[in-house]
Protein backbone atom coordinates (compact mmCIF):
# COMPACT_ATOMS: atom_id res chain seq x y z
CA UNK A 1 -8.45 -9.59 7.89
CA UNK A 2 -11.15 -12.23 6.44
CA UNK A 3 -10.35 -15.83 5.52
CA UNK A 4 -6.57 -15.19 4.78
CA UNK A 5 -5.55 -17.83 1.77
CA UNK A 6 -2.56 -18.73 -0.74
CA UNK A 7 -4.33 -16.94 -3.58
CA UNK A 8 -3.44 -13.49 -1.04
CA UNK A 9 0.37 -14.18 -2.19
CA UNK A 10 1.59 -10.74 -4.36
CA UNK A 11 4.58 -12.17 -5.12
CA UNK A 12 6.50 -15.65 -6.38
CA UNK A 13 10.27 -15.90 -6.69
CA UNK A 14 10.81 -18.93 -8.51
CA UNK A 15 14.24 -19.00 -7.38
CA UNK A 16 16.08 -17.05 -4.92
CA UNK A 17 19.71 -15.76 -5.44
CA UNK A 18 20.55 -14.89 -1.95
CA UNK A 19 23.25 -17.41 0.17
CA UNK A 20 21.83 -15.89 3.53
CA UNK A 21 18.22 -14.97 5.37
CA UNK A 22 19.21 -11.17 5.51
CA UNK A 23 19.81 -11.15 2.20
CA UNK A 24 16.86 -13.94 1.41
CA UNK A 25 14.63 -10.90 3.54
CA UNK A 26 15.55 -8.13 1.31
CA UNK A 27 15.64 -9.89 -2.09
CA UNK A 28 11.55 -10.99 -1.31
CA UNK A 29 11.19 -7.82 0.30
CA UNK A 30 12.25 -5.79 -2.95
CA UNK A 31 8.97 -7.23 -4.41
CA UNK A 32 7.32 -5.18 -2.69
CA UNK A 33 8.81 -1.87 -2.79
CA UNK A 34 6.82 -0.30 -4.31
CA UNK A 35 3.55 -2.01 -3.14
CA UNK A 36 1.15 0.39 -1.33
CA UNK A 37 1.23 -2.01 1.42
CA UNK A 38 3.90 -0.50 2.90
CA UNK A 39 4.25 2.86 4.37
CA UNK A 40 7.47 2.49 4.88
CA UNK A 41 9.51 0.03 3.10
CA UNK A 42 12.69 0.51 5.46
CA UNK A 43 11.40 0.12 8.10
CA UNK A 44 9.36 -2.87 7.11
CA UNK A 45 12.61 -4.50 6.33
CA UNK A 46 14.52 -3.90 9.88
CA UNK A 47 11.74 -4.20 11.50
CA UNK A 48 11.87 -8.20 9.51
CA UNK A 49 15.51 -8.19 10.16
CA UNK A 50 15.28 -7.64 14.14
CA UNK A 51 12.63 -9.91 14.55
CA UNK A 52 14.60 -12.77 12.94
CA UNK A 53 17.69 -11.13 14.82
CA UNK A 54 15.57 -11.96 18.17
CA UNK A 55 13.55 -15.24 16.77
CA UNK A 56 14.71 -17.21 14.20
CA UNK A 57 11.95 -18.16 11.91
CA UNK A 58 13.17 -21.29 10.36
CA UNK A 59 10.10 -23.98 11.46
CA UNK A 60 11.39 -27.40 10.53
CA UNK A 61 10.54 -29.14 7.14
CA UNK A 62 13.07 -26.62 5.24
CA UNK A 63 10.76 -23.65 5.35
CA UNK A 64 10.92 -20.04 7.46
CA UNK A 65 8.75 -17.88 7.88
CA UNK A 66 10.53 -14.53 8.37
CA UNK A 67 7.79 -12.09 9.42
CA UNK A 68 6.78 -8.68 11.05
CA UNK A 69 4.10 -7.33 13.52
CA UNK A 70 5.03 -4.02 12.52
CA UNK A 71 3.44 -0.16 11.79
CA UNK A 72 5.13 0.14 8.88
CA UNK A 73 1.77 -1.83 6.75
CA UNK A 74 -1.21 -0.76 6.56
CA UNK A 75 -2.93 -4.26 4.84
CA UNK A 76 -1.25 -7.85 4.91
CA UNK A 77 1.19 -8.94 2.80
CA UNK A 78 2.68 -12.27 2.09
CA UNK A 79 6.00 -13.08 -0.76
CA UNK A 80 7.08 -16.81 -1.64
CA UNK A 81 10.29 -17.05 -2.48
CA UNK A 82 12.09 -20.56 -2.97
CA UNK A 83 16.15 -21.28 -2.50
CA UNK A 84 17.18 -24.21 -4.58
CA UNK A 85 20.65 -24.49 -1.71
CA UNK A 86 18.53 -23.59 1.55
CA UNK A 87 19.34 -20.73 3.74
CA UNK A 88 20.21 -21.22 7.27
CA UNK A 89 17.57 -19.61 9.09
CA UNK A 90 18.33 -20.98 12.41
CA UNK A 91 15.20 -23.84 11.62
CA UNK A 92 15.15 -26.71 15.32
CA UNK A 93 15.71 -29.56 12.51
CA UNK A 94 19.21 -28.15 11.80
CA UNK A 95 17.81 -27.56 7.89
CA UNK A 96 18.39 -25.10 5.95
CA UNK A 97 15.11 -23.31 4.76
CA UNK A 98 14.18 -23.50 0.31
CA UNK A 99 10.87 -22.51 0.98
CA UNK A 100 10.20 -19.31 2.48
CA UNK A 101 7.39 -17.29 2.79
CA UNK A 102 8.18 -13.81 3.76
CA UNK A 103 5.20 -11.53 5.86
CA UNK A 104 4.42 -8.47 6.80
CA UNK A 105 1.73 -8.40 9.56
CA UNK A 106 -0.19 -4.84 10.43
CA UNK A 107 0.43 -3.90 14.28
CA UNK A 108 -3.23 -4.47 14.70
CA UNK A 109 -3.05 -7.58 13.10
CA UNK A 110 -3.36 -10.53 15.80
CA UNK A 111 -6.09 -12.89 14.36
CA UNK A 112 -5.19 -12.69 10.69
CA UNK A 113 -1.50 -13.35 11.80
CA UNK A 114 -2.28 -16.67 13.48
CA UNK A 115 -4.64 -18.14 11.24
CA UNK A 116 -2.13 -17.42 8.28
CA UNK A 117 0.72 -18.64 10.56
CA UNK A 118 -1.21 -21.62 11.09
CA UNK A 119 -2.54 -21.84 7.89
CA UNK A 120 1.14 -22.36 6.49
CA UNK A 121 2.30 -24.49 9.51
CA UNK A 122 -0.27 -27.08 8.65
CA UNK A 123 0.16 -26.96 5.19
CA UNK A 124 3.62 -26.95 5.05
CA UNK A 125 4.19 -30.48 6.82
CA UNK A 126 2.29 -31.94 4.09
CA UNK A 127 5.15 -33.99 2.21
CA UNK A 128 4.31 -33.74 -0.87
CA UNK A 129 3.13 -30.46 -0.54
CA UNK A 130 6.64 -29.08 -0.15
CA UNK A 131 7.90 -31.17 -3.09
CA UNK A 132 5.50 -30.46 -5.50
CA UNK A 133 6.76 -26.30 -4.28
CA UNK A 134 9.98 -27.52 -4.81
CA UNK A 135 9.32 -28.92 -8.54
CA UNK A 136 7.51 -26.06 -9.55
CA UNK A 137 8.97 -24.74 -13.21
CA UNK A 138 7.52 -21.47 -13.48
CA UNK A 139 5.17 -19.05 -11.03
CA UNK A 140 1.96 -19.66 -12.57
CA UNK A 141 2.92 -23.74 -11.86
CA UNK A 142 3.41 -22.82 -7.98
CA UNK A 143 0.61 -20.65 -7.49
CA UNK A 144 -1.52 -23.56 -9.20
CA UNK A 145 -0.11 -25.67 -6.46
CA UNK A 146 -1.09 -23.03 -3.20
CA UNK A 147 -4.11 -22.88 -5.13
CA UNK A 148 -5.41 -26.04 -4.80
CA UNK A 149 -3.74 -26.18 -1.09
CA UNK A 150 -6.26 -23.93 -0.47
CA UNK A 151 -9.60 -26.07 -1.47
CA UNK A 152 -7.94 -28.94 0.24
CA UNK A 153 -7.42 -26.87 3.58
CA UNK A 154 -11.12 -25.30 3.21
CA UNK A 155 -12.18 -28.47 1.95
CA UNK A 156 -10.58 -29.69 4.94
CA UNK A 157 -11.83 -27.56 7.49
CA UNK A 158 -15.78 -28.43 6.78
CA UNK A 159 -15.39 -31.86 7.63
CA UNK A 160 -13.69 -30.40 10.46
CA UNK A 161 -16.43 -28.28 11.52
CA UNK A 162 -19.70 -31.24 9.84
CA UNK A 163 -18.21 -33.70 12.47
CA UNK A 164 -17.96 -31.27 15.39
């Protein structure tokens, strides 16, 4: 998987109805039920929930990245959802997650997996970026914000390489 960016996000749920992390994973995963990237939908959901049980994926800053590297996926998938009241994903800062990125990663995809988690982590540390995602009115606006952040990341990477 080369050069993943925010434009690769498959679906966006503007408002999750889930109140628990299990329900949030299931609600986001439902967007992928008919996706050709999923070999075995039920196994994918079970793998994500098992991964979440072993090590919660709340990363702080009101964000969570529930995910699994699994053979039930044949191509990387990401679904984004927003939870107005937040959902407890066991974050170290104890804040409930309001920005949730569900990731499905093929078992063999180690480098890409780390690339995506790094990009998400760096981007979501930016308070203005998080606030824009929380305030966006619809899927189109959320996608524009994500693509805009992707462009900023590219520019930042070019500057870093140019000065190295």
